[in-house]
Amino acid sequence: MLPTPITATKDPDLGQVLSAAALIRDNVRAGQLIVLQSTTFPGTTTGPFRETLEQSGLNSGTDFDLAYAPERVNPGDPASSSKGVPRLVGATTAKATHRAAVLLAKISDQVVELSSPDAAELAKLLENVFRNINIAFVNQLALLCERMGLDVWEVINAAATKPFGS
C-alpha cells in the first residue's frame, strides 16, 4: 500500500505506485498474483500499473494474475484494520478475482468480489468522497451553529435520534 498524492495541478501522482510496479516487473514470475491496494482512480490497475508490469514480457490474465483490493483503514481508528472490515477485490479475470478473494479471506471475515479492478477502484473513491463530503458538511454546520449560538453537538445528537434514514 503506497500513497497516491496529488500534484500541484491536483492530478494524481502515480510515481510511487509505478515505481513499485517497476520493482515487481523486474522480479515477476509466471503464476504469481499481484494485488494493488493503493487508493487510485479507475483505470490505474488495468492501465499504467498493468502496462508497467507487462514490460517484463509476461501478460496479465495469462502469465500472472492482477487484482485491485483497496485498503479500507479509517485513519485513527485501530478497529478499522480488523478482520471484521470487509475487503473489496476486482481483478482482470474471474479466476484472478477468486484467487485474490481466497487470499484476502485469510485476513478478513468478508470479501466482496467485484466485476473488475475499475469497479473496486471507483468504490474506494466513493468511500473517500463520501467521507470528505460529510466532514465538510459537518464543518459548515458547526460554523452555522456557532453563528447562531447553538451547540453543534446538541443538534447532531438530536438528529441522530431518528432511527432510520441516517
N, C-alpha and C. Protein backbone atom coordinates (compact mmCIF):
# COMPACT_ATOMS: atom_id res chain seq x y z
N MET A 1 0.84 -1.15 0.00
CA MET A 1 0.00 0.00 0.00
C MET A 1 0.90 1.24 0.00
N LEU A 2 0.79 2.00 -1.06
CA LEU A 2 1.59 3.20 -1.20
C LEU A 2 0.69 4.42 -1.31
N PRO A 3 1.14 5.57 -0.87
CA PRO A 3 0.31 6.77 -1.01
C PRO A 3 0.20 7.18 -2.48
N THR A 4 -0.92 7.81 -2.79
CA THR A 4 -1.13 8.38 -4.11
C THR A 4 -1.41 9.87 -3.89
N PRO A 5 -0.36 10.66 -3.74
CA PRO A 5 -0.56 12.10 -3.51
C PRO A 5 -1.06 12.78 -4.78
N ILE A 6 -1.30 14.05 -4.69
CA ILE A 6 -1.70 14.81 -5.88
C ILE A 6 -0.60 15.81 -6.22
N THR A 7 -0.56 16.17 -7.50
CA THR A 7 0.43 17.13 -7.97
C THR A 7 -0.05 18.55 -7.68
N ALA A 8 0.77 19.52 -8.01
CA ALA A 8 0.40 20.93 -7.81
C ALA A 8 -0.84 21.29 -8.62
N THR A 9 -1.08 20.56 -9.71
CA THR A 9 -2.26 20.82 -10.54
C THR A 9 -3.44 19.94 -10.15
N LYS A 10 -3.33 19.28 -8.99
CA LYS A 10 -4.39 18.43 -8.42
C LYS A 10 -4.62 17.13 -9.19
N ASP A 11 -3.64 16.70 -9.97
CA ASP A 11 -3.72 15.42 -10.67
C ASP A 11 -3.10 14.34 -9.77
N PRO A 12 -3.59 13.10 -9.86
CA PRO A 12 -2.99 12.02 -9.07
C PRO A 12 -1.54 11.80 -9.49
N ASP A 13 -0.68 11.63 -8.51
CA ASP A 13 0.74 11.36 -8.76
C ASP A 13 0.96 9.86 -8.55
N LEU A 14 1.09 9.14 -9.66
CA LEU A 14 1.26 7.70 -9.61
C LEU A 14 2.72 7.28 -9.48
N GLY A 15 3.61 8.23 -9.24
CA GLY A 15 5.05 7.94 -9.19
C GLY A 15 5.42 6.77 -8.31
N GLN A 16 4.94 6.77 -7.07
CA GLN A 16 5.31 5.69 -6.14
C GLN A 16 4.68 4.36 -6.56
N VAL A 17 3.44 4.41 -7.03
CA VAL A 17 2.76 3.20 -7.46
C VAL A 17 3.47 2.59 -8.66
N LEU A 18 3.86 3.43 -9.62
CA LEU A 18 4.52 2.92 -10.81
C LEU A 18 5.96 2.49 -10.52
N SER A 19 6.59 3.11 -9.54
CA SER A 19 7.92 2.65 -9.11
C SER A 19 7.82 1.25 -8.50
N ALA A 20 6.78 1.03 -7.73
CA ALA A 20 6.56 -0.31 -7.16
C ALA A 20 6.28 -1.31 -8.28
N ALA A 21 5.49 -0.90 -9.27
CA ALA A 21 5.21 -1.79 -10.41
C ALA A 21 6.49 -2.15 -11.14
N ALA A 22 7.39 -1.18 -11.28
CA ALA A 22 8.67 -1.45 -11.95
C ALA A 22 9.52 -2.43 -11.14
N LEU A 23 9.51 -2.30 -9.83
CA LEU A 23 10.24 -3.23 -8.96
C LEU A 23 9.66 -4.64 -9.09
N ILE A 24 8.33 -4.72 -9.09
CA ILE A 24 7.67 -6.03 -9.26
C ILE A 24 7.99 -6.58 -10.65
N ARG A 25 7.89 -5.72 -11.66
CA ARG A 25 8.18 -6.13 -13.04
C ARG A 25 9.53 -6.81 -13.16
N ASP A 26 10.50 -6.29 -12.47
CA ASP A 26 11.86 -6.83 -12.56
C ASP A 26 12.01 -8.16 -11.82
N ASN A 27 10.98 -8.57 -11.10
CA ASN A 27 11.05 -9.80 -10.32
C ASN A 27 9.86 -10.74 -10.53
N VAL A 28 8.91 -10.35 -11.36
CA VAL A 28 7.70 -11.14 -11.54
C VAL A 28 8.00 -12.47 -12.22
N ARG A 29 7.25 -13.48 -11.78
CA ARG A 29 7.37 -14.81 -12.39
C ARG A 29 5.98 -15.29 -12.78
N ALA A 30 5.95 -16.14 -13.77
CA ALA A 30 4.68 -16.71 -14.22
C ALA A 30 3.98 -17.38 -13.05
N GLY A 31 2.66 -17.22 -12.99
CA GLY A 31 1.86 -17.85 -11.94
C GLY A 31 1.63 -16.98 -10.72
N GLN A 32 2.28 -15.86 -10.63
CA GLN A 32 2.13 -15.01 -9.43
C GLN A 32 0.81 -14.25 -9.45
N LEU A 33 0.38 -13.87 -8.26
CA LEU A 33 -0.76 -12.99 -8.06
C LEU A 33 -0.22 -11.65 -7.58
N ILE A 34 -0.57 -10.59 -8.27
CA ILE A 34 -0.14 -9.24 -7.88
C ILE A 34 -1.39 -8.45 -7.53
N VAL A 35 -1.40 -7.85 -6.33
CA VAL A 35 -2.56 -7.12 -5.84
C VAL A 35 -2.15 -5.69 -5.50
N LEU A 36 -2.74 -4.73 -6.20
CA LEU A 36 -2.54 -3.32 -5.89
C LEU A 36 -3.56 -2.92 -4.83
N GLN A 37 -3.11 -2.19 -3.80
CA GLN A 37 -4.02 -1.77 -2.73
C GLN A 37 -4.10 -0.25 -2.56
N SER A 38 -3.26 0.49 -3.22
CA SER A 38 -3.21 1.94 -3.05
C SER A 38 -4.47 2.61 -3.60
N THR A 39 -4.93 3.64 -2.93
CA THR A 39 -6.07 4.39 -3.42
C THR A 39 -5.68 5.07 -4.72
N THR A 40 -6.49 4.84 -5.74
CA THR A 40 -6.19 5.41 -7.04
C THR A 40 -7.46 5.49 -7.88
N PHE A 41 -7.35 6.05 -9.04
CA PHE A 41 -8.51 6.27 -9.90
C PHE A 41 -8.78 5.05 -10.78
N PRO A 42 -10.03 4.88 -11.23
CA PRO A 42 -10.35 3.76 -12.11
C PRO A 42 -9.49 3.79 -13.38
N GLY A 43 -8.98 2.63 -13.71
CA GLY A 43 -8.13 2.51 -14.88
C GLY A 43 -6.65 2.40 -14.54
N THR A 44 -6.29 2.63 -13.30
CA THR A 44 -4.87 2.56 -12.91
C THR A 44 -4.37 1.12 -12.97
N THR A 45 -5.12 0.20 -12.36
CA THR A 45 -4.67 -1.20 -12.31
C THR A 45 -4.56 -1.78 -13.72
N THR A 46 -5.59 -1.56 -14.53
CA THR A 46 -5.61 -2.14 -15.87
C THR A 46 -4.86 -1.28 -16.89
N GLY A 47 -4.49 -0.08 -16.49
CA GLY A 47 -3.76 0.82 -17.37
C GLY A 47 -2.28 0.87 -17.04
N PRO A 48 -1.82 1.99 -16.47
CA PRO A 48 -0.38 2.16 -16.26
C PRO A 48 0.28 1.13 -15.36
N PHE A 49 -0.43 0.64 -14.34
CA PHE A 49 0.16 -0.37 -13.46
C PHE A 49 0.39 -1.66 -14.24
N ARG A 50 -0.64 -2.13 -14.94
CA ARG A 50 -0.52 -3.35 -15.74
C ARG A 50 0.52 -3.19 -16.85
N GLU A 51 0.49 -2.03 -17.52
CA GLU A 51 1.44 -1.79 -18.62
C GLU A 51 2.89 -1.87 -18.13
N THR A 52 3.14 -1.32 -16.96
CA THR A 52 4.50 -1.39 -16.40
C THR A 52 4.88 -2.84 -16.10
N LEU A 53 3.96 -3.59 -15.49
CA LEU A 53 4.23 -4.99 -15.18
C LEU A 53 4.50 -5.80 -16.44
N GLU A 54 3.73 -5.52 -17.50
CA GLU A 54 3.86 -6.31 -18.72
C GLU A 54 5.12 -5.99 -19.52
N GLN A 55 5.84 -4.97 -19.12
CA GLN A 55 7.16 -4.72 -19.73
C GLN A 55 8.13 -5.85 -19.39
N SER A 56 7.73 -6.72 -18.49
CA SER A 56 8.53 -7.90 -18.13
C SER A 56 8.50 -8.95 -19.23
N GLY A 57 7.55 -8.80 -20.16
CA GLY A 57 7.36 -9.82 -21.19
C GLY A 57 6.26 -10.80 -20.83
N LEU A 58 5.77 -10.75 -19.58
CA LEU A 58 4.65 -11.58 -19.16
C LEU A 58 3.36 -10.78 -19.28
N ASN A 59 2.25 -11.48 -19.48
CA ASN A 59 0.97 -10.81 -19.68
C ASN A 59 -0.02 -11.10 -18.56
N SER A 60 -0.69 -10.05 -18.12
CA SER A 60 -1.73 -10.17 -17.11
C SER A 60 -2.88 -10.99 -17.68
N GLY A 61 -3.40 -11.89 -16.86
CA GLY A 61 -4.53 -12.70 -17.28
C GLY A 61 -4.14 -14.02 -17.90
N THR A 62 -2.91 -14.10 -18.37
CA THR A 62 -2.43 -15.38 -18.92
C THR A 62 -1.21 -15.87 -18.15
N ASP A 63 -0.24 -14.99 -17.96
CA ASP A 63 1.00 -15.38 -17.28
C ASP A 63 0.97 -15.11 -15.78
N PHE A 64 0.31 -14.07 -15.37
CA PHE A 64 0.17 -13.75 -13.95
C PHE A 64 -1.21 -13.16 -13.73
N ASP A 65 -1.67 -13.19 -12.48
CA ASP A 65 -2.98 -12.63 -12.12
C ASP A 65 -2.78 -11.25 -11.51
N LEU A 66 -3.67 -10.33 -11.87
CA LEU A 66 -3.59 -8.95 -11.41
C LEU A 66 -4.92 -8.53 -10.82
N ALA A 67 -4.89 -8.02 -9.59
CA ALA A 67 -6.11 -7.62 -8.89
C ALA A 67 -5.92 -6.26 -8.21
N TYR A 68 -7.06 -5.66 -7.89
CA TYR A 68 -7.09 -4.43 -7.09
C TYR A 68 -7.96 -4.71 -5.87
N ALA A 69 -7.42 -4.47 -4.68
CA ALA A 69 -8.14 -4.66 -3.43
C ALA A 69 -7.76 -3.50 -2.50
N PRO A 70 -8.57 -2.45 -2.50
CA PRO A 70 -8.19 -1.25 -1.74
C PRO A 70 -8.11 -1.49 -0.24
N GLU A 71 -7.15 -0.81 0.37
CA GLU A 71 -7.11 -0.80 1.83
C GLU A 71 -8.35 -0.06 2.30
N ARG A 72 -8.84 -0.41 3.46
CA ARG A 72 -10.07 0.22 3.96
C ARG A 72 -9.88 0.68 5.40
N VAL A 73 -8.72 1.19 5.72
CA VAL A 73 -8.42 1.64 7.07
C VAL A 73 -8.99 3.03 7.27
N ASN A 74 -9.62 3.23 8.42
CA ASN A 74 -10.12 4.54 8.81
C ASN A 74 -9.05 5.19 9.67
N PRO A 75 -8.43 6.27 9.19
CA PRO A 75 -7.32 6.88 9.94
C PRO A 75 -7.69 7.17 11.39
N GLY A 76 -6.82 6.74 12.30
CA GLY A 76 -7.03 6.98 13.72
C GLY A 76 -7.94 5.97 14.41
N ASP A 77 -8.45 4.99 13.67
CA ASP A 77 -9.36 4.00 14.24
C ASP A 77 -8.74 2.62 14.11
N PRO A 78 -8.09 2.12 15.18
CA PRO A 78 -7.43 0.82 15.10
C PRO A 78 -8.39 -0.33 14.78
N ALA A 79 -9.66 -0.18 15.14
CA ALA A 79 -10.64 -1.24 14.86
C ALA A 79 -10.86 -1.42 13.36
N SER A 80 -10.56 -0.39 12.58
CA SER A 80 -10.81 -0.47 11.14
C SER A 80 -9.83 -1.39 10.43
N SER A 81 -8.77 -1.79 11.10
CA SER A 81 -7.83 -2.71 10.47
C SER A 81 -8.08 -4.15 10.91
N SER A 82 -9.25 -4.39 11.51
CA SER A 82 -9.57 -5.72 12.00
C SER A 82 -10.11 -6.61 10.88
N LYS A 83 -10.22 -7.89 11.20
CA LYS A 83 -10.77 -8.87 10.26
C LYS A 83 -12.24 -8.59 9.96
N GLY A 84 -12.89 -7.81 10.80
CA GLY A 84 -14.32 -7.53 10.63
C GLY A 84 -14.64 -6.54 9.53
N VAL A 85 -13.64 -5.86 9.00
CA VAL A 85 -13.88 -4.90 7.92
C VAL A 85 -13.85 -5.65 6.59
N PRO A 86 -14.96 -5.67 5.86
CA PRO A 86 -14.98 -6.38 4.59
C PRO A 86 -13.95 -5.81 3.61
N ARG A 87 -13.39 -6.69 2.80
CA ARG A 87 -12.43 -6.29 1.76
C ARG A 87 -13.12 -6.38 0.41
N LEU A 88 -12.78 -5.46 -0.47
CA LEU A 88 -13.25 -5.45 -1.85
C LEU A 88 -12.14 -5.96 -2.74
N VAL A 89 -12.50 -6.66 -3.82
CA VAL A 89 -11.49 -7.09 -4.78
C VAL A 89 -12.11 -7.23 -6.16
N GLY A 90 -11.39 -6.76 -7.14
CA GLY A 90 -11.73 -6.95 -8.53
C GLY A 90 -10.45 -7.20 -9.29
N ALA A 91 -10.48 -8.14 -10.21
CA ALA A 91 -9.26 -8.50 -10.94
C ALA A 91 -9.53 -8.52 -12.44
N THR A 92 -8.48 -8.77 -13.18
CA THR A 92 -8.57 -8.72 -14.64
C THR A 92 -9.27 -9.93 -15.23
N THR A 93 -9.41 -11.00 -14.47
CA THR A 93 -10.18 -12.17 -14.89
C THR A 93 -10.98 -12.67 -13.69
N ALA A 94 -12.02 -13.45 -13.98
CA ALA A 94 -12.81 -14.02 -12.89
C ALA A 94 -11.96 -14.96 -12.03
N LYS A 95 -11.08 -15.70 -12.66
CA LYS A 95 -10.19 -16.62 -11.93
C LYS A 95 -9.27 -15.82 -10.99
N ALA A 96 -8.75 -14.72 -11.48
CA ALA A 96 -7.86 -13.89 -10.65
C ALA A 96 -8.64 -13.25 -9.50
N THR A 97 -9.88 -12.83 -9.75
CA THR A 97 -10.70 -12.26 -8.69
C THR A 97 -10.90 -13.30 -7.59
N HIS A 98 -11.25 -14.52 -7.99
CA HIS A 98 -11.47 -15.57 -6.99
C HIS A 98 -10.17 -15.89 -6.24
N ARG A 99 -9.07 -15.96 -6.96
CA ARG A 99 -7.78 -16.25 -6.33
C ARG A 99 -7.43 -15.18 -5.29
N ALA A 100 -7.62 -13.92 -5.65
CA ALA A 100 -7.32 -12.83 -4.72
C ALA A 100 -8.29 -12.86 -3.54
N ALA A 101 -9.56 -13.22 -3.79
CA ALA A 101 -10.55 -13.29 -2.72
C ALA A 101 -10.17 -14.38 -1.71
N VAL A 102 -9.68 -15.51 -2.19
CA VAL A 102 -9.25 -16.58 -1.28
C VAL A 102 -8.10 -16.09 -0.40
N LEU A 103 -7.17 -15.36 -0.99
CA LEU A 103 -6.06 -14.81 -0.21
C LEU A 103 -6.57 -13.81 0.82
N LEU A 104 -7.42 -12.89 0.40
CA LEU A 104 -7.93 -11.85 1.31
C LEU A 104 -8.79 -12.44 2.43
N ALA A 105 -9.43 -13.57 2.17
CA ALA A 105 -10.26 -14.21 3.20
C ALA A 105 -9.42 -14.68 4.39
N LYS A 106 -8.12 -14.75 4.21
CA LYS A 106 -7.24 -15.13 5.32
C LYS A 106 -7.02 -13.97 6.29
N ILE A 107 -7.31 -12.75 5.83
CA ILE A 107 -7.10 -11.58 6.69
C ILE A 107 -8.39 -10.81 6.95
N SER A 108 -9.50 -11.24 6.34
CA SER A 108 -10.77 -10.55 6.53
C SER A 108 -11.90 -11.58 6.60
N ASP A 109 -12.90 -11.29 7.43
CA ASP A 109 -14.04 -12.20 7.57
C ASP A 109 -14.95 -12.19 6.36
N GLN A 110 -14.94 -11.10 5.61
CA GLN A 110 -15.81 -10.99 4.44
C GLN A 110 -15.04 -10.37 3.28
N VAL A 111 -15.15 -10.97 2.11
CA VAL A 111 -14.53 -10.44 0.90
C VAL A 111 -15.63 -10.28 -0.14
N VAL A 112 -15.72 -9.10 -0.71
CA VAL A 112 -16.72 -8.80 -1.72
C VAL A 112 -16.03 -8.80 -3.08
N GLU A 113 -16.42 -9.73 -3.93
CA GLU A 113 -15.83 -9.83 -5.26
C GLU A 113 -16.58 -8.92 -6.22
N LEU A 114 -15.84 -8.08 -6.92
CA LEU A 114 -16.41 -7.15 -7.90
C LEU A 114 -16.04 -7.59 -9.31
N SER A 115 -16.70 -7.00 -10.28
CA SER A 115 -16.54 -7.42 -11.68
C SER A 115 -15.21 -7.03 -12.30
N SER A 116 -14.54 -6.05 -11.72
CA SER A 116 -13.31 -5.55 -12.34
C SER A 116 -12.50 -4.72 -11.35
N PRO A 117 -11.22 -4.50 -11.69
CA PRO A 117 -10.45 -3.56 -10.87
C PRO A 117 -11.04 -2.15 -10.91
N ASP A 118 -11.58 -1.74 -12.05
CA ASP A 118 -12.19 -0.40 -12.15
C ASP A 118 -13.32 -0.22 -11.15
N ALA A 119 -14.18 -1.25 -11.00
CA ALA A 119 -15.29 -1.16 -10.05
C ALA A 119 -14.76 -1.03 -8.62
N ALA A 120 -13.72 -1.79 -8.29
CA ALA A 120 -13.14 -1.71 -6.95
C ALA A 120 -12.47 -0.35 -6.72
N GLU A 121 -11.77 0.15 -7.75
CA GLU A 121 -11.12 1.47 -7.62
C GLU A 121 -12.16 2.57 -7.41
N LEU A 122 -13.26 2.51 -8.15
CA LEU A 122 -14.29 3.54 -8.01
C LEU A 122 -15.03 3.41 -6.68
N ALA A 123 -15.23 2.18 -6.20
CA ALA A 123 -15.86 2.00 -4.89
C ALA A 123 -15.02 2.65 -3.80
N LYS A 124 -13.70 2.48 -3.87
CA LYS A 124 -12.80 3.10 -2.89
C LYS A 124 -12.88 4.62 -2.97
N LEU A 125 -12.92 5.15 -4.19
CA LEU A 125 -13.04 6.61 -4.32
C LEU A 125 -14.37 7.10 -3.77
N LEU A 126 -15.45 6.35 -4.01
CA LEU A 126 -16.76 6.73 -3.46
C LEU A 126 -16.70 6.81 -1.94
N GLU A 127 -16.06 5.82 -1.30
CA GLU A 127 -15.91 5.84 0.16
C GLU A 127 -15.20 7.12 0.61
N ASN A 128 -14.09 7.45 -0.06
CA ASN A 128 -13.31 8.63 0.33
C ASN A 128 -14.09 9.92 0.10
N VAL A 129 -14.75 10.02 -1.05
CA VAL A 129 -15.51 11.24 -1.36
C VAL A 129 -16.67 11.40 -0.38
N PHE A 130 -17.37 10.30 -0.09
CA PHE A 130 -18.48 10.34 0.85
C PHE A 130 -18.02 10.86 2.21
N ARG A 131 -16.89 10.34 2.67
CA ARG A 131 -16.32 10.77 3.95
C ARG A 131 -15.97 12.26 3.92
N ASN A 132 -15.31 12.68 2.84
CA ASN A 132 -14.90 14.09 2.72
C ASN A 132 -16.10 15.03 2.67
N ILE A 133 -17.14 14.64 1.95
CA ILE A 133 -18.36 15.46 1.87
C ILE A 133 -18.99 15.59 3.25
N ASN A 134 -19.06 14.49 3.98
CA ASN A 134 -19.66 14.53 5.32
C ASN A 134 -18.84 15.40 6.28
N ILE A 135 -17.52 15.29 6.20
CA ILE A 135 -16.67 16.14 7.04
C ILE A 135 -16.89 17.61 6.71
N ALA A 136 -16.91 17.93 5.42
CA ALA A 136 -17.12 19.33 5.00
C ALA A 136 -18.49 19.83 5.46
N PHE A 137 -19.51 18.99 5.32
CA PHE A 137 -20.85 19.38 5.72
C PHE A 137 -20.93 19.67 7.22
N VAL A 138 -20.35 18.78 8.03
CA VAL A 138 -20.40 18.99 9.49
C VAL A 138 -19.56 20.20 9.89
N ASN A 139 -18.46 20.44 9.20
CA ASN A 139 -17.69 21.65 9.48
C ASN A 139 -18.52 22.91 9.22
N GLN A 140 -19.27 22.91 8.12
CA GLN A 140 -20.13 24.06 7.81
C GLN A 140 -21.26 24.18 8.83
N LEU A 141 -21.82 23.03 9.24
CA LEU A 141 -22.87 23.04 10.26
C LEU A 141 -22.34 23.63 11.56
N ALA A 142 -21.11 23.27 11.92
CA ALA A 142 -20.51 23.78 13.15
C ALA A 142 -20.36 25.30 13.08
N LEU A 143 -19.94 25.81 11.92
CA LEU A 143 -19.83 27.27 11.76
C LEU A 143 -21.19 27.95 11.88
N LEU A 144 -22.20 27.34 11.26
CA LEU A 144 -23.55 27.90 11.34
C LEU A 144 -24.04 27.90 12.78
N CYS A 145 -23.83 26.79 13.49
CA CYS A 145 -24.26 26.72 14.89
C CYS A 145 -23.55 27.77 15.74
N GLU A 146 -22.26 27.96 15.48
CA GLU A 146 -21.52 28.97 16.22
C GLU A 146 -22.13 30.36 16.01
N ARG A 147 -22.45 30.68 14.75
CA ARG A 147 -23.04 31.99 14.45
C ARG A 147 -24.42 32.15 15.08
N MET A 148 -25.14 31.03 15.20
CA MET A 148 -26.50 31.09 15.75
C MET A 148 -26.52 30.91 17.26
N GLY A 149 -25.36 30.67 17.87
CA GLY A 149 -25.31 30.47 19.31
C GLY A 149 -25.86 29.12 19.74
N LEU A 150 -25.79 28.14 18.84
CA LEU A 150 -26.27 26.80 19.15
C LEU A 150 -25.11 25.84 19.39
N ASP A 151 -25.37 24.80 20.16
CA ASP A 151 -24.38 23.76 20.42
C ASP A 151 -24.47 22.73 19.29
N VAL A 152 -23.44 22.62 18.48
CA VAL A 152 -23.47 21.72 17.33
C VAL A 152 -23.70 20.27 17.76
N TRP A 153 -23.16 19.88 18.91
CA TRP A 153 -23.34 18.50 19.37
C TRP A 153 -24.77 18.24 19.81
N GLU A 154 -25.42 19.25 20.37
CA GLU A 154 -26.82 19.09 20.72
C GLU A 154 -27.64 18.84 19.46
N VAL A 155 -27.36 19.59 18.41
CA VAL A 155 -28.07 19.45 17.14
C VAL A 155 -27.80 18.08 16.51
N ILE A 156 -26.54 17.68 16.46
CA ILE A 156 -26.16 16.39 15.87
C ILE A 156 -26.79 15.24 16.64
N ASN A 157 -26.70 15.29 17.98
CA ASN A 157 -27.28 14.22 18.81
C ASN A 157 -28.80 14.16 18.67
N ALA A 158 -29.44 15.32 18.54
CA ALA A 158 -30.90 15.34 18.35
C ALA A 158 -31.26 14.71 17.01
N ALA A 159 -30.54 15.04 15.98
CA ALA A 159 -30.81 14.47 14.65
C ALA A 159 -30.56 12.97 14.63
N ALA A 160 -29.60 12.51 15.42
CA ALA A 160 -29.25 11.09 15.45
C ALA A 160 -30.31 10.23 16.16
N THR A 161 -31.31 10.85 16.80
CA THR A 161 -32.34 10.05 17.47
C THR A 161 -33.32 9.41 16.49
N LYS A 162 -33.35 9.88 15.25
CA LYS A 162 -34.22 9.30 14.23
C LYS A 162 -33.66 7.92 13.85
N PRO A 163 -34.46 6.85 14.01
CA PRO A 163 -33.92 5.50 13.82
C PRO A 163 -33.81 5.04 12.36
N PHE A 164 -34.05 5.90 11.42
CA PHE A 164 -33.97 5.50 10.01
C PHE A 164 -33.54 6.70 9.16
N GLY A 165 -33.05 6.40 7.96
CA GLY A 165 -32.72 7.47 7.02
C GLY A 165 -31.44 8.23 7.33
N SER A 166 -30.59 7.71 8.21
CA SER A 166 -29.36 8.45 8.53
C SER A 166 -28.15 7.78 7.96
